[in-house]
PDB file of all heavy atoms in Angstrom:
ATOM      1  N   ASP A   1      97.928 105.280  86.978  1.00  0.00           N
ATOM      2  CA  ASP A   1      99.071 105.926  86.315  1.00  0.00           C
ATOM      3  C   ASP A   1     100.279 105.000  86.463  1.00  0.00           C
ATOM      4  O   ASP A   1     100.585 104.539  87.565  1.00  0.00           O
ATOM      5  CB  ASP A   1      99.375 107.291  86.951  1.00  0.00           C
ATOM      6  CG  ASP A   1     100.504 107.989  86.215  1.00  0.00           C
ATOM      7  OD1 ASP A   1     100.405 108.166  84.986  1.00  0.00           O
ATOM      8  OD2 ASP A   1     101.499 108.342  86.873  1.00  0.00           O
ATOM      9  N   VAL A   2     100.944 104.705  85.341  1.00  0.00           N
ATOM     10  CA  VAL A   2     102.110 103.821  85.336  1.00  0.00           C
ATOM     11  C   VAL A   2     103.300 104.594  84.776  1.00  0.00           C
ATOM     12  O   VAL A   2     103.215 105.178  83.700  1.00  0.00           O
ATOM     13  CB  VAL A   2     101.858 102.553  84.485  1.00  0.00           C
ATOM     14  CG1 VAL A   2     103.038 101.582  84.623  1.00  0.00           C
ATOM     15  CG2 VAL A   2     100.552 101.871  84.893  1.00  0.00           C
ATOM     16  N   GLU A   3     104.392 104.606  85.522  1.00  0.00           N
ATOM     17  CA  GLU A   3     105.590 105.343  85.129  1.00  0.00           C
ATOM     18  C   GLU A   3     106.842 104.491  85.334  1.00  0.00           C
ATOM     19  O   GLU A   3     106.859 103.657  86.249  1.00  0.00           O
ATOM     20  CB  GLU A   3     105.705 106.640  85.960  1.00  0.00           C
ATOM     21  CG  GLU A   3     104.583 107.644  85.727  1.00  0.00           C
ATOM     22  CD  GLU A   3     104.595 108.251  84.347  1.00  0.00           C
ATOM     23  OE1 GLU A   3     105.662 108.183  83.684  1.00  0.00           O
ATOM     24  OE2 GLU A   3     103.544 108.773  83.918  1.00  0.00           O
ATOM     25  N   PRO A   4     107.909 104.706  84.536  1.00  0.00           N
ATOM     26  CA  PRO A   4     108.002 105.592  83.377  1.00  0.00           C
ATOM     27  C   PRO A   4     107.381 104.942  82.140  1.00  0.00           C
ATOM     28  O   PRO A   4     107.073 103.743  82.155  1.00  0.00           O
ATOM     29  CB  PRO A   4     109.518 105.756  83.202  1.00  0.00           C
ATOM     30  CG  PRO A   4     110.073 104.449  83.675  1.00  0.00           C
ATOM     31  CD  PRO A   4     109.201 104.034  84.819  1.00  0.00           C
ATOM     32  N   PRO A   5     107.222 105.672  81.055  1.00  0.00           N
ATOM     33  CA  PRO A   5     106.640 105.086  79.842  1.00  0.00           C
ATOM     34  C   PRO A   5     107.505 103.978  79.243  1.00  0.00           C
ATOM     35  O   PRO A   5     106.984 103.076  78.587  1.00  0.00           O
ATOM     36  CB  PRO A   5     106.533 106.282  78.881  1.00  0.00           C
ATOM     37  CG  PRO A   5     106.575 107.488  79.756  1.00  0.00           C
ATOM     38  CD  PRO A   5     107.443 107.126  80.915  1.00  0.00           C
ATOM     39  N   ASN A   6     108.839 104.036  79.467  1.00  0.00           N
ATOM     40  CA  ASN A   6     109.743 103.042  78.891  1.00  0.00           C
ATOM     41  C   ASN A   6     110.937 102.841  79.816  1.00  0.00           C
ATOM     42  O   ASN A   6     111.406 103.777  80.471  1.00  0.00           O
ATOM     43  CB  ASN A   6     110.234 103.504  77.514  1.00  0.00           C
ATOM     44  CG  ASN A   6     111.279 102.563  76.927  1.00  0.00           C
ATOM     45  OD1 ASN A   6     110.952 101.456  76.489  1.00  0.00           O
ATOM     46  ND2 ASN A   6     112.530 102.982  76.928  1.00  0.00           N
ATOM     47  N   GLN A   7     111.439 101.605  79.821  1.00  0.00           N
ATOM     48  CA  GLN A   7     112.681 101.288  80.507  1.00  0.00           C
ATOM     49  C   GLN A   7     113.648 100.689  79.482  1.00  0.00           C
ATOM     50  O   GLN A   7     113.344  99.678  78.842  1.00  0.00           O
ATOM     51  CB  GLN A   7     112.457 100.280  81.654  1.00  0.00           C
ATOM     52  CG  GLN A   7     111.682 100.830  82.841  1.00  0.00           C
ATOM     53  CD  GLN A   7     112.538 101.683  83.759  1.00  0.00           C
ATOM     54  OE1 GLN A   7     113.530 102.269  83.347  1.00  0.00           O
ATOM     55  NE2 GLN A   7     112.146 101.774  85.029  1.00  0.00           N
ATOM     56  N   ASP A   8     114.811 101.344  79.306  1.00  0.00           N
ATOM     57  CA  ASP A   8     115.868 100.811  78.449  1.00  0.00           C
ATOM     58  C   ASP A   8     116.744  99.880  79.274  1.00  0.00           C
ATOM     59  O   ASP A   8     117.214 100.256  80.355  1.00  0.00           O
ATOM     60  CB  ASP A   8     116.726 101.943  77.872  1.00  0.00           C
ATOM     61  CG  ASP A   8     115.985 102.756  76.817  1.00  0.00           C
ATOM     62  OD1 ASP A   8     115.273 102.148  76.006  1.00  0.00           O
ATOM     63  OD2 ASP A   8     116.121 103.998  76.821  1.00  0.00           O
ATOM     64  N   VAL A   9     116.983  98.661  78.758  1.00  0.00           N
ATOM     65  CA  VAL A   9     117.790  97.684  79.486  1.00  0.00           C
ATOM     66  C   VAL A   9     118.854  97.122  78.550  1.00  0.00           C
ATOM     67  O   VAL A   9     118.766  97.241  77.331  1.00  0.00           O
ATOM     68  CB  VAL A   9     116.915  96.542  80.049  1.00  0.00           C
ATOM     69  CG1 VAL A   9     115.900  97.090  81.037  1.00  0.00           C
ATOM     70  CG2 VAL A   9     116.212  95.775  78.928  1.00  0.00           C
ATOM     71  N   THR A  10     119.876  96.496  79.127  1.00  0.00           N
ATOM     72  CA  THR A  10     120.976  95.939  78.347  1.00  0.00           C
ATOM     73  C   THR A  10     120.605  94.559  77.810  1.00  0.00           C
ATOM     74  O   THR A  10     119.564  93.990  78.155  1.00  0.00           O
ATOM     75  CB  THR A  10     122.244  95.829  79.200  1.00  0.00           C
ATOM     76  OG1 THR A  10     122.006  94.864  80.250  1.00  0.00           O
ATOM     77  CG2 THR A  10     122.603  97.180  79.817  1.00  0.00           C
ATOM     78  N   ALA A  11     121.493  93.989  76.996  1.00  0.00           N
ATOM     79  CA  ALA A  11     121.252  92.670  76.411  1.00  0.00           C
ATOM     80  C   ALA A  11     121.322  91.549  77.445  1.00  0.00           C
ATOM     81  O   ALA A  11     120.739  90.474  77.241  1.00  0.00           O
ATOM     82  CB  ALA A  11     122.258  92.405  75.288  1.00  0.00           C
ATOM     83  N   ALA A  12     122.017  91.772  78.567  1.00  0.00           N
ATOM     84  CA  ALA A  12     122.128  90.745  79.607  1.00  0.00           C
ATOM     85  C   ALA A  12     120.782  90.551  80.309  1.00  0.00           C
ATOM     86  O   ALA A  12     119.955  91.464  80.350  1.00  0.00           O
ATOM     87  CB  ALA A  12     123.198  91.157  80.613  1.00  0.00           C
ATOM     88  N   PRO A  13     120.520  89.374  80.882  1.00  0.00           N
ATOM     89  CA  PRO A  13     119.252  89.160  81.596  1.00  0.00           C
ATOM     90  C   PRO A  13     119.187  90.000  82.868  1.00  0.00           C
ATOM     91  O   PRO A  13     120.212  90.366  83.445  1.00  0.00           O
ATOM     92  CB  PRO A  13     119.272  87.662  81.913  1.00  0.00           C
ATOM     93  CG  PRO A  13     120.729  87.302  81.947  1.00  0.00           C
ATOM     94  CD  PRO A  13     121.391  88.182  80.922  1.00  0.00           C
ATOM     95  N   GLY A  14     117.971  90.301  83.300  1.00  0.00           N
ATOM     96  CA  GLY A  14     117.827  91.102  84.517  1.00  0.00           C
ATOM     97  C   GLY A  14     116.384  91.457  84.790  1.00  0.00           C
ATOM     98  O   GLY A  14     115.447  90.847  84.261  1.00  0.00           O
ATOM     99  N   SER A  15     116.196  92.479  85.617  1.00  0.00           N
ATOM    100  CA  SER A  15     114.863  92.944  86.011  1.00  0.00           C
ATOM    101  C   SER A  15     114.827  94.462  85.977  1.00  0.00           C
ATOM    102  O   SER A  15     115.851  95.127  86.205  1.00  0.00           O
ATOM    103  CB  SER A  15     114.501  92.466  87.417  1.00  0.00           C
ATOM    104  OG  SER A  15     114.461  91.063  87.491  1.00  0.00           O
ATOM    105  N   THR A  16     113.650  95.006  85.727  1.00  0.00           N
ATOM    106  CA  THR A  16     113.430  96.443  85.810  1.00  0.00           C
ATOM    107  C   THR A  16     112.061  96.669  86.436  1.00  0.00           C
ATOM    108  O   THR A  16     111.278  95.716  86.615  1.00  0.00           O
ATOM    109  CB  THR A  16     113.549  97.118  84.432  1.00  0.00           C
ATOM    110  OG1 THR A  16     113.553  98.543  84.613  1.00  0.00           O
ATOM    111  CG2 THR A  16     112.406  96.714  83.501  1.00  0.00           C
ATOM    112  N   PHE A  17     111.735  97.920  86.781  1.00  0.00           N
ATOM    113  CA  PHE A  17     110.533  98.188  87.574  1.00  0.00           C
ATOM    114  C   PHE A  17     109.754  99.375  87.002  1.00  0.00           C
ATOM    115  O   PHE A  17     110.322 100.300  86.419  1.00  0.00           O
ATOM    116  CB  PHE A  17     110.902  98.487  89.037  1.00  0.00           C
ATOM    117  CG  PHE A  17     111.697  97.390  89.678  1.00  0.00           C
ATOM    118  CD1 PHE A  17     113.088  97.436  89.666  1.00  0.00           C
ATOM    119  CD2 PHE A  17     111.070  96.308  90.268  1.00  0.00           C
ATOM    120  CE1 PHE A  17     113.835  96.421  90.238  1.00  0.00           C
ATOM    121  CE2 PHE A  17     111.811  95.292  90.845  1.00  0.00           C
ATOM    122  CZ  PHE A  17     113.198  95.349  90.834  1.00  0.00           C
ATOM    123  N   PHE A  18     108.427  99.314  87.210  1.00  0.00           N
ATOM    124  CA  PHE A  18     107.528 100.421  86.897  1.00  0.00           C
ATOM    125  C   PHE A  18     106.703 100.717  88.150  1.00  0.00           C
ATOM    126  O   PHE A  18     106.350  99.802  88.910  1.00  0.00           O
ATOM    127  CB  PHE A  18     106.596 100.065  85.744  1.00  0.00           C
ATOM    128  CG  PHE A  18     107.306  99.826  84.437  1.00  0.00           C
ATOM    129  CD1 PHE A  18     107.808  98.565  84.125  1.00  0.00           C
ATOM    130  CD2 PHE A  18     107.490 100.857  83.527  1.00  0.00           C
ATOM    131  CE1 PHE A  18     108.469  98.341  82.931  1.00  0.00           C
ATOM    132  CE2 PHE A  18     108.146 100.637  82.321  1.00  0.00           C
ATOM    133  CZ  PHE A  18     108.640  99.368  82.019  1.00  0.00           C
ATOM    134  N   SER A  19     106.409 101.989  88.342  1.00  0.00           N
ATOM    135  CA  SER A  19     105.603 102.407  89.489  1.00  0.00           C
ATOM    136  C   SER A  19     104.135 102.481  89.072  1.00  0.00           C
ATOM    137  O   SER A  19     103.787 103.173  88.103  1.00  0.00           O
ATOM    138  CB  SER A  19     106.080 103.777  89.989  1.00  0.00           C
ATOM    139  OG  SER A  19     105.234 104.246  91.023  1.00  0.00           O
ATOM    140  N   VAL A  20     103.270 101.758  89.798  1.00  0.00           N
ATOM    141  CA  VAL A  20     101.838 101.757  89.527  1.00  0.00           C
ATOM    142  C   VAL A  20     101.144 102.575  90.630  1.00  0.00           C
ATOM    143  O   VAL A  20     101.226 102.236  91.810  1.00  0.00           O
ATOM    144  CB  VAL A  20     101.273 100.325  89.497  1.00  0.00           C
ATOM    145  CG1 VAL A  20      99.764 100.352  89.229  1.00  0.00           C
ATOM    146  CG2 VAL A  20     101.993  99.488  88.452  1.00  0.00           C
ATOM    147  N   ALA A  21     100.499 103.670  90.221  1.00  0.00           N
ATOM    148  CA  ALA A  21      99.734 104.500  91.163  1.00  0.00           C
ATOM    149  C   ALA A  21      98.258 104.323  90.849  1.00  0.00           C
ATOM    150  O   ALA A  21      97.800 104.690  89.756  1.00  0.00           O
ATOM    151  CB  ALA A  21     100.145 105.957  91.035  1.00  0.00           C
ATOM    152  N   THR A  22      97.513 103.745  91.783  1.00  0.00           N
ATOM    153  CA  THR A  22      96.092 103.471  91.551  1.00  0.00           C
ATOM    154  C   THR A  22      95.381 103.310  92.884  1.00  0.00           C
ATOM    155  O   THR A  22      96.008 103.076  93.924  1.00  0.00           O
ATOM    156  CB  THR A  22      95.914 102.203  90.692  1.00  0.00           C
ATOM    157  OG1 THR A  22      94.526 102.009  90.426  1.00  0.00           O
ATOM    158  CG2 THR A  22      96.481 100.984  91.377  1.00  0.00           C
ATOM    159  N   ASN A  23      94.054 103.440  92.847  1.00  0.00           N
ATOM    160  CA  ASN A  23      93.238 103.174  94.035  1.00  0.00           C
ATOM    161  C   ASN A  23      92.435 101.893  93.861  1.00  0.00           C
ATOM    162  O   ASN A  23      91.447 101.679  94.559  1.00  0.00           O
ATOM    163  CB  ASN A  23      92.291 104.351  94.294  1.00  0.00           C
ATOM    164  CG  ASN A  23      91.361 104.617  93.110  1.00  0.00           C
ATOM    165  OD1 ASN A  23      91.428 103.913  92.095  1.00  0.00           O
ATOM    166  ND2 ASN A  23      90.507 105.631  93.238  1.00  0.00           N
ATOM    167  N   SER A  24      92.882 101.046  92.931  1.00  0.00           N
ATOM    168  CA  SER A  24      92.088  99.883  92.534  1.00  0.00           C
ATOM    169  C   SER A  24      92.966  98.639  92.391  1.00  0.00           C
ATOM    170  O   SER A  24      94.194  98.732  92.292  1.00  0.00           O
ATOM    171  CB  SER A  24      91.399 100.161  91.193  1.00  0.00           C
ATOM    172  OG  SER A  24      90.694 101.374  91.204  1.00  0.00           O
ATOM    173  N   PRO A  25      92.352  97.466  92.287  1.00  0.00           N
ATOM    174  CA  PRO A  25      93.097  96.267  91.879  1.00  0.00           C
ATOM    175  C   PRO A  25      93.527  96.404  90.415  1.00  0.00           C
ATOM    176  O   PRO A  25      92.794  96.973  89.604  1.00  0.00           O
ATOM    177  CB  PRO A  25      92.078  95.137  92.064  1.00  0.00           C
ATOM    178  CG  PRO A  25      91.009  95.691  92.942  1.00  0.00           C
ATOM    179  CD  PRO A  25      90.951  97.153  92.655  1.00  0.00           C
ATOM    180  N   TRP A  26      94.685  95.861  90.065  1.00  0.00           N
ATOM    181  CA  TRP A  26      95.178  95.964  88.701  1.00  0.00           C
ATOM    182  C   TRP A  26      95.840  94.658  88.270  1.00  0.00           C
ATOM    183  O   TRP A  26      96.242  93.848  89.095  1.00  0.00           O
ATOM    184  CB  TRP A  26      96.169  97.120  88.550  1.00  0.00           C
ATOM    185  CG  TRP A  26      97.316  97.118  89.536  1.00  0.00           C
ATOM    186  CD1 TRP A  26      97.346  97.730  90.755  1.00  0.00           C
ATOM    187  CD2 TRP A  26      98.570  96.456  89.392  1.00  0.00           C
ATOM    188  NE1 TRP A  26      98.542  97.504  91.392  1.00  0.00           N
ATOM    189  CE2 TRP A  26      99.328  96.717  90.570  1.00  0.00           C
ATOM    190  CE3 TRP A  26      99.148  95.669  88.401  1.00  0.00           C
ATOM    191  CZ2 TRP A  26     100.608  96.213  90.760  1.00  0.00           C
ATOM    192  CZ3 TRP A  26     100.428  95.174  88.585  1.00  0.00           C
ATOM    193  CH2 TRP A  26     101.149  95.448  89.750  1.00  0.00           C
TER     194      TRP A  26
END
């Protein structure tokens, strides 16, 4: 399960994050 479905970011450079919930390598 990967959340959230989308991340809105600004025009400036940067980083954002998603949470990966799994019992396996991905």
